[in-house]
Amino acid sequence: GREMLGKKVGILGFGNIGRKLARLFSGFDAEIYAYDPFLTEEQCAAAG
């Protein structure tokens, strides 16, 4: 298989589900990218 440690993960849609997924992937030291037309830089910073 392939590990997710240190990999880049893209999340399309950063509502409740997208944010929870981001928290899960943070445990793998993944670099998380988020796409959402309504997402602000402040929200991104708060979610890491």
PDB file of all heavy atoms in Angstrom:
ATOM      1  N   GLY A   1       0.813  -1.210   0.000  1.00  0.00           N
ATOM      2  CA  GLY A   1       0.000   0.000   0.000  1.00  0.00           C
ATOM      3  C   GLY A   1       0.844   1.258   0.000  1.00  0.00           C
ATOM      4  O   GLY A   1       2.060   1.213  -0.180  1.00  0.00           O
ATOM      5  N   ARG A   2       0.181   2.376   0.185  1.00  0.00           N
ATOM      6  CA  ARG A   2       0.853   3.678   0.251  1.00  0.00           C
ATOM      7  C   ARG A   2       0.409   4.398   1.518  1.00  0.00           C
ATOM      8  O   ARG A   2      -0.765   4.348   1.877  1.00  0.00           O
ATOM      9  CB  ARG A   2       0.504   4.526  -0.976  1.00  0.00           C
ATOM     10  CG  ARG A   2       1.048   3.938  -2.258  1.00  0.00           C
ATOM     11  CD  ARG A   2       0.556   4.701  -3.460  1.00  0.00           C
ATOM     12  NE  ARG A   2       0.919   3.969  -4.663  1.00  0.00           N
ATOM     13  CZ  ARG A   2       1.738   4.445  -5.595  1.00  0.00           C
ATOM     14  NH1 ARG A   2       2.267   5.626  -5.460  1.00  0.00           N
ATOM     15  NH2 ARG A   2       2.015   3.723  -6.661  1.00  0.00           N
ATOM     16  N   GLU A   3       1.332   5.045   2.181  1.00  0.00           N
ATOM     17  CA  GLU A   3       1.022   5.771   3.408  1.00  0.00           C
ATOM     18  C   GLU A   3       0.575   7.194   3.092  1.00  0.00           C
ATOM     19  O   GLU A   3       0.931   7.752   2.050  1.00  0.00           O
ATOM     20  CB  GLU A   3       2.255   5.817   4.313  1.00  0.00           C
ATOM     21  CG  GLU A   3       2.686   4.464   4.818  1.00  0.00           C
ATOM     22  CD  GLU A   3       3.827   4.537   5.815  1.00  0.00           C
ATOM     23  OE1 GLU A   3       4.276   5.662   6.123  1.00  0.00           O
ATOM     24  OE2 GLU A   3       4.253   3.479   6.277  1.00  0.00           O
ATOM     25  N   MET A   4      -0.175   7.775   4.015  1.00  0.00           N
ATOM     26  CA  MET A   4      -0.592   9.167   3.870  1.00  0.00           C
ATOM     27  C   MET A   4       0.308  10.109   4.666  1.00  0.00           C
ATOM     28  O   MET A   4       0.152  11.322   4.593  1.00  0.00           O
ATOM     29  CB  MET A   4      -2.038   9.341   4.323  1.00  0.00           C
ATOM     30  CG  MET A   4      -3.050   8.732   3.375  1.00  0.00           C
ATOM     31  SD  MET A   4      -2.847   9.221   1.641  1.00  0.00           S
ATOM     32  CE  MET A   4      -3.060  10.993   1.731  1.00  0.00           C
ATOM     33  N   LEU A   5       1.253   9.564   5.418  1.00  0.00           N
ATOM     34  CA  LEU A   5       2.159  10.403   6.199  1.00  0.00           C
ATOM     35  C   LEU A   5       2.880  11.389   5.288  1.00  0.00           C
ATOM     36  O   LEU A   5       3.545  10.998   4.324  1.00  0.00           O
ATOM     37  CB  LEU A   5       3.189   9.558   6.940  1.00  0.00           C
ATOM     38  CG  LEU A   5       2.685   8.821   8.183  1.00  0.00           C
ATOM     39  CD1 LEU A   5       3.723   7.826   8.665  1.00  0.00           C
ATOM     40  CD2 LEU A   5       2.371   9.818   9.289  1.00  0.00           C
ATOM     41  N   GLY A   6       2.720  12.666   5.598  1.00  0.00           N
ATOM     42  CA  GLY A   6       3.425  13.696   4.853  1.00  0.00           C
ATOM     43  C   GLY A   6       2.908  13.955   3.452  1.00  0.00           C
ATOM     44  O   GLY A   6       3.493  14.743   2.707  1.00  0.00           O
ATOM     45  N   LYS A   7       1.809  13.316   3.066  1.00  0.00           N
ATOM     46  CA  LYS A   7       1.270  13.509   1.721  1.00  0.00           C
ATOM     47  C   LYS A   7       0.389  14.765   1.667  1.00  0.00           C
ATOM     48  O   LYS A   7       0.053  15.358   2.682  1.00  0.00           O
ATOM     49  CB  LYS A   7       0.438  12.287   1.312  1.00  0.00           C
ATOM     50  CG  LYS A   7       1.223  11.000   1.179  1.00  0.00           C
ATOM     51  CD  LYS A   7       2.146  11.025   0.001  1.00  0.00           C
ATOM     52  CE  LYS A   7       2.691   9.659  -0.388  1.00  0.00           C
ATOM     53  NZ  LYS A   7       3.371   8.920   0.622  1.00  0.00           N
ATOM     54  N   LYS A   8       0.019  15.133   0.442  1.00  0.00           N
ATOM     55  CA  LYS A   8      -0.868  16.280   0.240  1.00  0.00           C
ATOM     56  C   LYS A   8      -2.284  15.777  -0.005  1.00  0.00           C
ATOM     57  O   LYS A   8      -2.501  14.913  -0.847  1.00  0.00           O
ATOM     58  CB  LYS A   8      -0.400  17.107  -0.948  1.00  0.00           C
ATOM     59  CG  LYS A   8       0.934  17.808  -0.709  1.00  0.00           C
ATOM     60  CD  LYS A   8       1.335  18.644  -1.913  1.00  0.00           C
ATOM     61  CE  LYS A   8       2.660  19.357  -1.627  1.00  0.00           C
ATOM     62  NZ  LYS A   8       3.102  20.153  -2.796  1.00  0.00           N
ATOM     63  N   VAL A   9      -3.225  16.332   0.747  1.00  0.00           N
ATOM     64  CA  VAL A   9      -4.628  15.934   0.647  1.00  0.00           C
ATOM     65  C   VAL A   9      -5.453  17.152   0.252  1.00  0.00           C
ATOM     66  O   VAL A   9      -5.339  18.213   0.863  1.00  0.00           O
ATOM     67  CB  VAL A   9      -5.145  15.384   1.995  1.00  0.00           C
ATOM     68  CG1 VAL A   9      -6.626  15.075   1.916  1.00  0.00           C
ATOM     69  CG2 VAL A   9      -4.361  14.151   2.404  1.00  0.00           C
ATOM     70  N   GLY A  10      -6.278  16.983  -0.771  1.00  0.00           N
ATOM     71  CA  GLY A  10      -7.167  18.051  -1.198  1.00  0.00           C
ATOM     72  C   GLY A  10      -8.595  17.761  -0.781  1.00  0.00           C
ATOM     73  O   GLY A  10      -9.098  16.655  -1.012  1.00  0.00           O
ATOM     74  N   ILE A  11      -9.243  18.725  -0.160  1.00  0.00           N
ATOM     75  CA  ILE A  11     -10.630  18.570   0.269  1.00  0.00           C
ATOM     76  C   ILE A  11     -11.471  19.588  -0.495  1.00  0.00           C
ATOM     77  O   ILE A  11     -11.264  20.796  -0.374  1.00  0.00           O
ATOM     78  CB  ILE A  11     -10.768  18.776   1.789  1.00  0.00           C
ATOM     79  CG1 ILE A  11      -9.922  17.743   2.545  1.00  0.00           C
ATOM     80  CG2 ILE A  11     -12.228  18.682   2.208  1.00  0.00           C
ATOM     81  CD1 ILE A  11      -9.893  17.949   4.050  1.00  0.00           C
ATOM     82  N   LEU A  12     -12.409  19.085  -1.294  1.00  0.00           N
ATOM     83  CA  LEU A  12     -13.304  19.957  -2.042  1.00  0.00           C
ATOM     84  C   LEU A  12     -14.601  20.118  -1.261  1.00  0.00           C
ATOM     85  O   LEU A  12     -15.352  19.163  -1.099  1.00  0.00           O
ATOM     86  CB  LEU A  12     -13.605  19.366  -3.426  1.00  0.00           C
ATOM     87  CG  LEU A  12     -12.412  18.964  -4.296  1.00  0.00           C
ATOM     88  CD1 LEU A  12     -12.888  18.534  -5.676  1.00  0.00           C
ATOM     89  CD2 LEU A  12     -11.399  20.080  -4.396  1.00  0.00           C
ATOM     90  N   GLY A  13     -14.828  21.318  -0.761  1.00  0.00           N
ATOM     91  CA  GLY A  13     -15.982  21.568   0.096  1.00  0.00           C
ATOM     92  C   GLY A  13     -15.531  21.538   1.541  1.00  0.00           C
ATOM     93  O   GLY A  13     -15.119  20.493   2.035  1.00  0.00           O
ATOM     94  N   PHE A  14     -15.578  22.698   2.205  1.00  0.00           N
ATOM     95  CA  PHE A  14     -15.027  22.764   3.563  1.00  0.00           C
ATOM     96  C   PHE A  14     -16.100  23.148   4.575  1.00  0.00           C
ATOM     97  O   PHE A  14     -15.934  24.035   5.392  1.00  0.00           O
ATOM     98  CB  PHE A  14     -13.847  23.732   3.607  1.00  0.00           C
ATOM     99  CG  PHE A  14     -12.815  23.367   4.633  1.00  0.00           C
ATOM    100  CD1 PHE A  14     -12.117  22.176   4.559  1.00  0.00           C
ATOM    101  CD2 PHE A  14     -12.540  24.215   5.683  1.00  0.00           C
ATOM    102  CE1 PHE A  14     -11.164  21.833   5.506  1.00  0.00           C
ATOM    103  CE2 PHE A  14     -11.590  23.890   6.647  1.00  0.00           C
ATOM    104  CZ  PHE A  14     -10.902  22.692   6.547  1.00  0.00           C
ATOM    105  N   GLY A  15     -17.221  22.421   4.512  1.00  0.00           N
ATOM    106  CA  GLY A  15     -18.255  22.561   5.530  1.00  0.00           C
ATOM    107  C   GLY A  15     -17.926  21.670   6.712  1.00  0.00           C
ATOM    108  O   GLY A  15     -16.763  21.343   6.955  1.00  0.00           O
ATOM    109  N   ASN A  16     -18.947  21.241   7.447  1.00  0.00           N
ATOM    110  CA  ASN A  16     -18.723  20.429   8.644  1.00  0.00           C
ATOM    111  C   ASN A  16     -17.951  19.150   8.348  1.00  0.00           C
ATOM    112  O   ASN A  16     -17.029  18.772   9.078  1.00  0.00           O
ATOM    113  CB  ASN A  16     -20.058  20.082   9.309  1.00  0.00           C
ATOM    114  CG  ASN A  16     -20.694  21.286   9.974  1.00  0.00           C
ATOM    115  OD1 ASN A  16     -20.010  22.207  10.388  1.00  0.00           O
ATOM    116  ND2 ASN A  16     -22.008  21.285  10.057  1.00  0.00           N
ATOM    117  N   ILE A  17     -18.325  18.449   7.270  1.00  0.00           N
ATOM    118  CA  ILE A  17     -17.676  17.178   6.959  1.00  0.00           C
ATOM    119  C   ILE A  17     -16.242  17.406   6.506  1.00  0.00           C
ATOM    120  O   ILE A  17     -15.315  16.723   6.950  1.00  0.00           O
ATOM    121  CB  ILE A  17     -18.481  16.402   5.900  1.00  0.00           C
ATOM    122  CG1 ILE A  17     -19.865  16.042   6.458  1.00  0.00           C
ATOM    123  CG2 ILE A  17     -17.739  15.135   5.469  1.00  0.00           C
ATOM    124  CD1 ILE A  17     -20.814  15.454   5.433  1.00  0.00           C
ATOM    125  N   GLY A  18     -16.039  18.387   5.620  1.00  0.00           N
ATOM    126  CA  GLY A  18     -14.687  18.682   5.157  1.00  0.00           C
ATOM    127  C   GLY A  18     -13.753  19.058   6.295  1.00  0.00           C
ATOM    128  O   GLY A  18     -12.596  18.641   6.349  1.00  0.00           O
ATOM    129  N   ARG A  19     -14.269  19.832   7.251  1.00  0.00           N
ATOM    130  CA  ARG A  19     -13.440  20.249   8.397  1.00  0.00           C
ATOM    131  C   ARG A  19     -13.082  19.060   9.295  1.00  0.00           C
ATOM    132  O   ARG A  19     -11.962  18.963   9.795  1.00  0.00           O
ATOM    133  CB  ARG A  19     -14.181  21.316   9.210  1.00  0.00           C
ATOM    134  CG  ARG A  19     -14.295  22.631   8.496  1.00  0.00           C
ATOM    135  CD  ARG A  19     -15.270  23.569   9.216  1.00  0.00           C
ATOM    136  NE  ARG A  19     -15.738  24.579   8.298  1.00  0.00           N
ATOM    137  CZ  ARG A  19     -15.259  25.821   8.251  1.00  0.00           C
ATOM    138  NH1 ARG A  19     -14.313  26.191   9.074  1.00  0.00           N
ATOM    139  NH2 ARG A  19     -15.732  26.682   7.382  1.00  0.00           N
ATOM    140  N   LYS A  20     -14.055  18.164   9.489  1.00  0.00           N
ATOM    141  CA  LYS A  20     -13.750  16.982  10.309  1.00  0.00           C
ATOM    142  C   LYS A  20     -12.718  16.100   9.630  1.00  0.00           C
ATOM    143  O   LYS A  20     -11.828  15.539  10.281  1.00  0.00           O
ATOM    144  CB  LYS A  20     -15.035  16.204  10.605  1.00  0.00           C
ATOM    145  CG  LYS A  20     -15.915  16.936  11.587  1.00  0.00           C
ATOM    146  CD  LYS A  20     -17.067  16.112  12.087  1.00  0.00           C
ATOM    147  CE  LYS A  20     -17.903  17.004  12.987  1.00  0.00           C
ATOM    148  NZ  LYS A  20     -18.621  16.351  14.000  1.00  0.00           N
ATOM    149  N   LEU A  21     -12.829  15.966   8.314  1.00  0.00           N
ATOM    150  CA  LEU A  21     -11.837  15.172   7.580  1.00  0.00           C
ATOM    151  C   LEU A  21     -10.451  15.794   7.702  1.00  0.00           C
ATOM    152  O   LEU A  21      -9.460  15.085   7.879  1.00  0.00           O
ATOM    153  CB  LEU A  21     -12.244  15.059   6.112  1.00  0.00           C
ATOM    154  CG  LEU A  21     -11.315  14.208   5.253  1.00  0.00           C
ATOM    155  CD1 LEU A  21     -11.314  12.755   5.722  1.00  0.00           C
ATOM    156  CD2 LEU A  21     -11.717  14.296   3.788  1.00  0.00           C
ATOM    157  N   ALA A  22     -10.378  17.106   7.645  1.00  0.00           N
ATOM    158  CA  ALA A  22      -9.094  17.792   7.789  1.00  0.00           C
ATOM    159  C   ALA A  22      -8.469  17.488   9.145  1.00  0.00           C
ATOM    160  O   ALA A  22      -7.263  17.254   9.252  1.00  0.00           O
ATOM    161  CB  ALA A  22      -9.279  19.302   7.612  1.00  0.00           C
ATOM    162  N   ARG A  23      -9.303  17.474  10.192  1.00  0.00           N
ATOM    163  CA  ARG A  23      -8.777  17.152  11.523  1.00  0.00           C
ATOM    164  C   ARG A  23      -8.242  15.726  11.573  1.00  0.00           C
ATOM    165  O   ARG A  23      -7.211  15.451  12.189  1.00  0.00           O
ATOM    166  CB  ARG A  23      -9.862  17.352  12.588  1.00  0.00           C
ATOM    167  CG  ARG A  23     -10.142  18.810  12.884  1.00  0.00           C
ATOM    168  CD  ARG A  23     -10.853  19.016  14.203  1.00  0.00           C
ATOM    169  NE  ARG A  23     -12.198  18.473  14.235  1.00  0.00           N
ATOM    170  CZ  ARG A  23     -13.280  19.123  13.828  1.00  0.00           C
ATOM    171  NH1 ARG A  23     -13.170  20.345  13.321  1.00  0.00           N
ATOM    172  NH2 ARG A  23     -14.462  18.571  13.909  1.00  0.00           N
ATOM    173  N   LEU A  24      -8.939  14.796  10.914  1.00  0.00           N
ATOM    174  CA  LEU A  24      -8.463  13.408  10.892  1.00  0.00           C
ATOM    175  C   LEU A  24      -7.119  13.300  10.187  1.00  0.00           C
ATOM    176  O   LEU A  24      -6.200  12.632  10.670  1.00  0.00           O
ATOM    177  CB  LEU A  24      -9.490  12.512  10.193  1.00  0.00           C
ATOM    178  CG  LEU A  24     -10.793  12.258  10.943  1.00  0.00           C
ATOM    179  CD1 LEU A  24     -11.778  11.516  10.050  1.00  0.00           C
ATOM    180  CD2 LEU A  24     -10.542  11.457  12.213  1.00  0.00           C
ATOM    181  N   PHE A  25      -6.987  13.962   9.039  1.00  0.00           N
ATOM    182  CA  PHE A  25      -5.746  13.873   8.282  1.00  0.00           C
ATOM    183  C   PHE A  25      -4.592  14.600   8.959  1.00  0.00           C
ATOM    184  O   PHE A  25      -3.433  14.291   8.701  1.00  0.00           O
ATOM    185  CB  PHE A  25      -5.942  14.394   6.864  1.00  0.00           C
ATOM    186  CG  PHE A  25      -6.365  13.327   5.898  1.00  0.00           C
ATOM    187  CD1 PHE A  25      -7.611  13.373   5.298  1.00  0.00           C
ATOM    188  CD2 PHE A  25      -5.521  12.264   5.594  1.00  0.00           C
ATOM    189  CE1 PHE A  25      -8.011  12.382   4.419  1.00  0.00           C
ATOM    190  CE2 PHE A  25      -5.908  11.278   4.717  1.00  0.00           C
ATOM    191  CZ  PHE A  25      -7.153  11.331   4.126  1.00  0.00           C
ATOM    192  N   SER A  26      -4.895  15.567   9.827  1.00  0.00           N
ATOM    193  CA  SER A  26      -3.813  16.265  10.524  1.00  0.00           C
ATOM    194  C   SER A  26      -3.020  15.295  11.390  1.00  0.00           C
ATOM    195  O   SER A  26      -1.831  15.494  11.648  1.00  0.00           O
ATOM    196  CB  SER A  26      -4.371  17.411  11.370  1.00  0.00           C
ATOM    197  OG  SER A  26      -5.145  16.906  12.451  1.00  0.00           O
ATOM    198  N   GLY A  27      -3.648  14.209  11.804  1.00  0.00           N
ATOM    199  CA  GLY A  27      -2.949  13.191  12.587  1.00  0.00           C
ATOM    200  C   GLY A  27      -1.921  12.413  11.790  1.00  0.00           C
ATOM    201  O   GLY A  27      -1.091  11.698  12.352  1.00  0.00           O
ATOM    202  N   PHE A  28      -1.969  12.535  10.473  1.00  0.00           N
ATOM    203  CA  PHE A  28      -0.999  11.869   9.604  1.00  0.00           C
ATOM    204  C   PHE A  28       0.064  12.844   9.108  1.00  0.00           C
ATOM    205  O   PHE A  28       0.806  12.525   8.181  1.00  0.00           O
ATOM    206  CB  PHE A  28      -1.715  11.250   8.392  1.00  0.00           C
ATOM    207  CG  PHE A  28      -2.594  10.084   8.752  1.00  0.00           C
ATOM    208  CD1 PHE A  28      -3.937  10.279   9.043  1.00  0.00           C
ATOM    209  CD2 PHE A  28      -2.080   8.800   8.800  1.00  0.00           C
ATOM    210  CE1 PHE A  28      -4.756   9.212   9.377  1.00  0.00           C
ATOM    211  CE2 PHE A  28      -2.893   7.732   9.129  1.00  0.00           C
ATOM    212  CZ  PHE A  28      -4.231   7.929   9.415  1.00  0.00           C
ATOM    213  N   ASP A  29       0.125  14.028   9.730  1.00  0.00           N
ATOM    214  CA  ASP A  29       1.054  15.078   9.285  1.00  0.00           C
ATOM    215  C   ASP A  29       0.894  15.368   7.803  1.00  0.00           C
ATOM    216  O   ASP A  29       1.859  15.661   7.096  1.00  0.00           O
ATOM    217  CB  ASP A  29       2.513  14.687   9.593  1.00  0.00           C
ATOM    218  CG  ASP A  29       2.790  14.654  11.084  1.00  0.00           C
ATOM    219  OD1 ASP A  29       2.201  15.478  11.798  1.00  0.00           O
ATOM    220  OD2 ASP A  29       3.573  13.804  11.528  1.00  0.00           O
ATOM    221  N   ALA A  30      -0.325  15.258   7.316  1.00  0.00           N
ATOM    222  CA  ALA A  30      -0.592  15.550   5.913  1.00  0.00           C
ATOM    223  C   ALA A  30      -0.677  17.057   5.706  1.00  0.00           C
ATOM    224  O   ALA A  30      -1.065  17.805   6.602  1.00  0.00           O
ATOM    225  CB  ALA A  30      -1.893  14.883   5.478  1.00  0.00           C
ATOM    226  N   GLU A  31      -0.294  17.482   4.507  1.00  0.00           N
ATOM    227  CA  GLU A  31      -0.441  18.876   4.116  1.00  0.00           C
ATOM    228  C   GLU A  31      -1.824  18.979   3.480  1.00  0.00           C
ATOM    229  O   GLU A  31      -2.087  18.338   2.458  1.00  0.00           O
ATOM    230  CB  GLU A  31       0.647  19.237   3.108  1.00  0.00           C
ATOM    231  CG  GLU A  31       0.845  20.704   2.911  1.00  0.00           C
ATOM    232  CD  GLU A  31       2.053  21.001   2.034  1.00  0.00           C
ATOM    233  OE1 GLU A  31       2.897  20.109   1.850  1.00  0.00           O
ATOM    234  OE2 GLU A  31       2.116  22.133   1.522  1.00  0.00           O
ATOM    235  N   ILE A  32      -2.706  19.760   4.087  1.00  0.00           N
ATOM    236  CA  ILE A  32      -4.111  19.755   3.680  1.00  0.00           C
ATOM    237  C   ILE A  32      -4.460  21.033   2.922  1.00  0.00           C
ATOM    238  O   ILE A  32      -4.241  22.135   3.403  1.00  0.00           O
ATOM    239  CB  ILE A  32      -5.030  19.588   4.906  1.00  0.00           C
ATOM    240  CG1 ILE A  32      -4.656  18.313   5.657  1.00  0.00           C
ATOM    241  CG2 ILE A  32      -6.486  19.563   4.490  1.00  0.00           C
ATOM    242  CD1 ILE A  32      -5.191  18.236   7.054  1.00  0.00           C
ATOM    243  N   TYR A  33      -5.007  20.817   1.728  1.00  0.00           N
ATOM    244  CA  TYR A  33      -5.468  21.917   0.882  1.00  0.00           C
ATOM    245  C   TYR A  33      -6.999  21.881   0.853  1.00  0.00           C
ATOM    246  O   TYR A  33      -7.587  20.808   0.741  1.00  0.00           O
ATOM    247  CB  TYR A  33      -4.942  21.765  -0.541  1.00  0.00           C
ATOM    248  CG  TYR A  33      -3.457  21.927  -0.680  1.00  0.00           C
ATOM    249  CD1 TYR A  33      -2.580  20.900  -0.335  1.00  0.00           C
ATOM    250  CD2 TYR A  33      -2.915  23.115  -1.171  1.00  0.00           C
ATOM    251  CE1 TYR A  33      -1.210  21.041  -0.464  1.00  0.00           C
ATOM    252  CE2 TYR A  33      -1.540  23.265  -1.310  1.00  0.00           C
ATOM    253  CZ  TYR A  33      -0.693  22.227  -0.954  1.00  0.00           C
ATOM    254  OH  TYR A  33       0.657  22.381  -1.078  1.00  0.00           O
ATOM    255  N   ALA A  34      -7.610  23.049   0.912  1.00  0.00           N
ATOM    256  CA  ALA A  34      -9.070  23.107   0.905  1.00  0.00           C
ATOM    257  C   ALA A  34      -9.560  24.026  -0.206  1.00  0.00           C
ATOM    258  O   ALA A  34      -9.025  25.125  -0.403  1.00  0.00           O
ATOM    259  CB  ALA A  34      -9.595  23.594   2.252  1.00  0.00           C
ATOM    260  N   TYR A  35     -10.581  23.556  -0.911  1.00  0.00           N
ATOM    261  CA  TYR A  35     -11.245  24.382  -1.917  1.00  0.00           C
ATOM    262  C   TYR A  35     -12.698  24.550  -1.508  1.00  0.00           C
ATOM    263  O   TYR A  35     -13.407  23.563  -1.261  1.00  0.00           O
ATOM    264  CB  TYR A  35     -11.197  23.725  -3.299  1.00  0.00           C
ATOM    265  CG  TYR A  35     -12.142  24.376  -4.279  1.00  0.00           C
ATOM    266  CD1 TYR A  35     -11.798  25.566  -4.912  1.00  0.00           C
ATOM    267  CD2 TYR A  35     -13.402  23.830  -4.520  1.00  0.00           C
ATOM    268  CE1 TYR A  35     -12.685  26.190  -5.785  1.00  0.00           C
ATOM    269  CE2 TYR A  35     -14.296  24.456  -5.390  1.00  0.00           C
ATOM    270  CZ  TYR A  35     -13.933  25.625  -6.018  1.00  0.00           C
ATOM    271  OH  TYR A  35     -14.811  26.243  -6.870  1.00  0.00           O
ATOM    272  N   ASP A  36     -13.119  25.803  -1.415  1.00  0.00           N
ATOM    273  CA  ASP A  36     -14.518  26.120  -1.129  1.00  0.00           C
ATOM    274  C   ASP A  36     -14.696  27.588  -1.484  1.00  0.00           C
ATOM    275  O   ASP A  36     -13.956  28.436  -0.990  1.00  0.00           O
ATOM    276  CB  ASP A  36     -14.826  25.894   0.360  1.00  0.00           C
ATOM    277  CG  ASP A  36     -16.317  25.935   0.655  1.00  0.00           C
ATOM    278  OD1 ASP A  36     -16.972  26.917   0.230  1.00  0.00           O
ATOM    279  OD2 ASP A  36     -16.827  25.009   1.288  1.00  0.00           O
ATOM    280  N   PRO A  37     -15.641  27.895  -2.372  1.00  0.00           N
ATOM    281  CA  PRO A  37     -15.813  29.293  -2.795  1.00  0.00           C
ATOM    282  C   PRO A  37     -16.093  30.258  -1.651  1.00  0.00           C
ATOM    283  O   PRO A  37     -15.851  31.452  -1.776  1.00  0.00           O
ATOM    284  CB  PRO A  37     -17.015  29.233  -3.747  1.00  0.00           C
ATOM    285  CG  PRO A  37     -17.101  27.821  -4.191  1.00  0.00           C
ATOM    286  CD  PRO A  37     -16.567  26.991  -3.062  1.00  0.00           C
ATOM    287  N   PHE A  38     -16.603  29.734  -0.530  1.00  0.00           N
ATOM    288  CA  PHE A  38     -16.982  30.613   0.580  1.00  0.00           C
ATOM    289  C   PHE A  38     -15.949  30.623   1.713  1.00  0.00           C
ATOM    290  O   PHE A  38     -16.170  31.223   2.748  1.00  0.00           O
ATOM    291  CB  PHE A  38     -18.351  30.186   1.127  1.00  0.00           C
ATOM    292  CG  PHE A  38     -19.411  30.144   0.067  1.00  0.00           C
ATOM    293  CD1 PHE A  38     -19.813  28.945  -0.469  1.00  0.00           C
ATOM    294  CD2 PHE A  38     -19.969  31.314  -0.418  1.00  0.00           C
ATOM    295  CE1 PHE A  38     -20.780  28.902  -1.468  1.00  0.00           C
ATOM    296  CE2 PHE A  38     -20.932  31.287  -1.412  1.00  0.00           C
ATOM    297  CZ  PHE A  38     -21.336  30.077  -1.944  1.00  0.00           C
ATOM    298  N   LEU A  39     -14.838  29.969   1.501  1.00  0.00           N
ATOM    299  CA  LEU A  39     -13.821  29.825   2.537  1.00  0.00           C
ATOM    300  C   LEU A  39     -12.943  31.067   2.619  1.00  0.00           C
ATOM    301  O   LEU A  39     -12.475  31.578   1.595  1.00  0.00           O
ATOM    302  CB  LEU A  39     -12.971  28.588   2.220  1.00  0.00           C
ATOM    303  CG  LEU A  39     -12.007  28.072   3.272  1.00  0.00           C
ATOM    304  CD1 LEU A  39     -12.731  27.708   4.552  1.00  0.00           C
ATOM    305  CD2 LEU A  39     -11.267  26.858   2.723  1.00  0.00           C
ATOM    306  N   THR A  40     -12.704  31.552   3.837  1.00  0.00           N
ATOM    307  CA  THR A  40     -11.835  32.716   4.023  1.00  0.00           C
ATOM    308  C   THR A  40     -10.456  32.268   4.490  1.00  0.00           C
ATOM    309  O   THR A  40     -10.281  31.149   4.991  1.00  0.00           O
ATOM    310  CB  THR A  40     -12.423  33.678   5.076  1.00  0.00           C
ATOM    311  OG1 THR A  40     -12.404  33.015   6.363  1.00  0.00           O
ATOM    312  CG2 THR A  40     -13.853  34.074   4.722  1.00  0.00           C
ATOM    313  N   GLU A  41      -9.495  33.147   4.323  1.00  0.00           N
ATOM    314  CA  GLU A  41      -8.128  32.857   4.774  1.00  0.00           C
ATOM    315  C   GLU A  41      -8.100  32.662   6.291  1.00  0.00           C
ATOM    316  O   GLU A  41      -7.350  31.832   6.801  1.00  0.00           O
ATOM    317  CB  GLU A  41      -7.176  33.998   4.378  1.00  0.00           C
ATOM    318  CG  GLU A  41      -6.987  34.169   2.882  1.00  0.00           C
ATOM    319  CD  GLU A  41      -6.213  33.031   2.233  1.00  0.00           C
ATOM    320  OE1 GLU A  41      -5.646  32.186   2.961  1.00  0.00           O
ATOM    321  OE2 GLU A  41      -6.172  32.982   0.991  1.00  0.00           O
ATOM    322  N   GLU A  42      -8.940  33.410   7.003  1.00  0.00           N
ATOM    323  CA  GLU A  42      -8.984  33.285   8.459  1.00  0.00           C
ATOM    324  C   GLU A  42      -9.493  31.899   8.872  1.00  0.00           C
ATOM    325  O   GLU A  42      -8.957  31.290   9.809  1.00  0.00           O
ATOM    326  CB  GLU A  42      -9.894  34.370   9.061  1.00  0.00           C
ATOM    327  CG  GLU A  42      -9.384  35.796   8.923  1.00  0.00           C
ATOM    328  CD  GLU A  42      -9.555  36.375   7.521  1.00  0.00           C
ATOM    329  OE1 GLU A  42     -10.408  35.849   6.760  1.00  0.00           O
ATOM    330  OE2 GLU A  42      -8.821  37.312   7.185  1.00  0.00           O
ATOM    331  N   GLN A  43     -10.507  31.414   8.185  1.00  0.00           N
ATOM    332  CA  GLN A  43     -11.032  30.079   8.474  1.00  0.00           C
ATOM    333  C   GLN A  43      -9.983  29.009   8.181  1.00  0.00           C
ATOM    334  O   GLN A  43      -9.856  28.040   8.923  1.00  0.00           O
ATOM    335  CB  GLN A  43     -12.302  29.821   7.661  1.00  0.00           C
ATOM    336  CG  GLN A  43     -13.489  30.647   8.103  1.00  0.00           C
ATOM    337  CD  GLN A  43     -14.648  30.565   7.133  1.00  0.00           C
ATOM    338  OE1 GLN A  43     -14.458  30.480   5.924  1.00  0.00           O
ATOM    339  NE2 GLN A  43     -15.870  30.583   7.659  1.00  0.00           N
ATOM    340  N   CYS A  44      -9.241  29.193   7.117  1.00  0.00           N
ATOM    341  CA  CYS A  44      -8.173  28.246   6.774  1.00  0.00           C
ATOM    342  C   CYS A  44      -7.111  28.208   7.856  1.00  0.00           C
ATOM    343  O   CYS A  44      -6.662  27.142   8.280  1.00  0.00           O
ATOM    344  CB  CYS A  44      -7.534  28.619   5.435  1.00  0.00           C
ATOM    345  SG  CYS A  44      -8.555  28.232   4.018  1.00  0.00           S
ATOM    346  N   ALA A  45      -6.703  29.400   8.284  1.00  0.00           N
ATOM    347  CA  ALA A  45      -5.672  29.484   9.319  1.00  0.00           C
ATOM    348  C   ALA A  45      -6.152  28.806  10.601  1.00  0.00           C
ATOM    349  O   ALA A  45      -5.398  28.073  11.253  1.00  0.00           O
ATOM    350  CB  ALA A  45      -5.316  30.947   9.585  1.00  0.00           C
ATOM    351  N   ALA A  46      -7.412  29.034  10.966  1.00  0.00           N
ATOM    352  CA  ALA A  46      -7.957  28.431  12.186  1.00  0.00           C
ATOM    353  C   ALA A  46      -8.003  26.913  12.082  1.00  0.00           C
ATOM    354  O   ALA A  46      -7.825  26.209  13.079  1.00  0.00           O
ATOM    355  CB  ALA A  46      -9.354  28.981  12.467  1.00  0.00           C
ATOM    356  N   ALA A  47      -8.236  26.393  10.871  1.00  0.00           N
ATOM    357  CA  ALA A  47      -8.334  24.943  10.676  1.00  0.00           C
ATOM    358  C   ALA A  47      -6.997  24.300  10.335  1.00  0.00           C
ATOM    359  O   ALA A  47      -6.898  23.080  10.238  1.00  0.00           O
ATOM    360  CB  ALA A  47      -9.345  24.637   9.564  1.00  0.00           C
ATOM    361  N   GLY A  48      -5.965  25.114  10.147  1.00  0.00           N
ATOM    362  CA  GLY A  48      -4.645  24.573   9.825  1.00  0.00           C
ATOM    363  C   GLY A  48      -4.545  24.004   8.420  1.00  0.00           C
ATOM    364  O   GLY A  48      -3.823  23.040   8.186  1.00  0.00           O
TER     365      GLY A  48
END
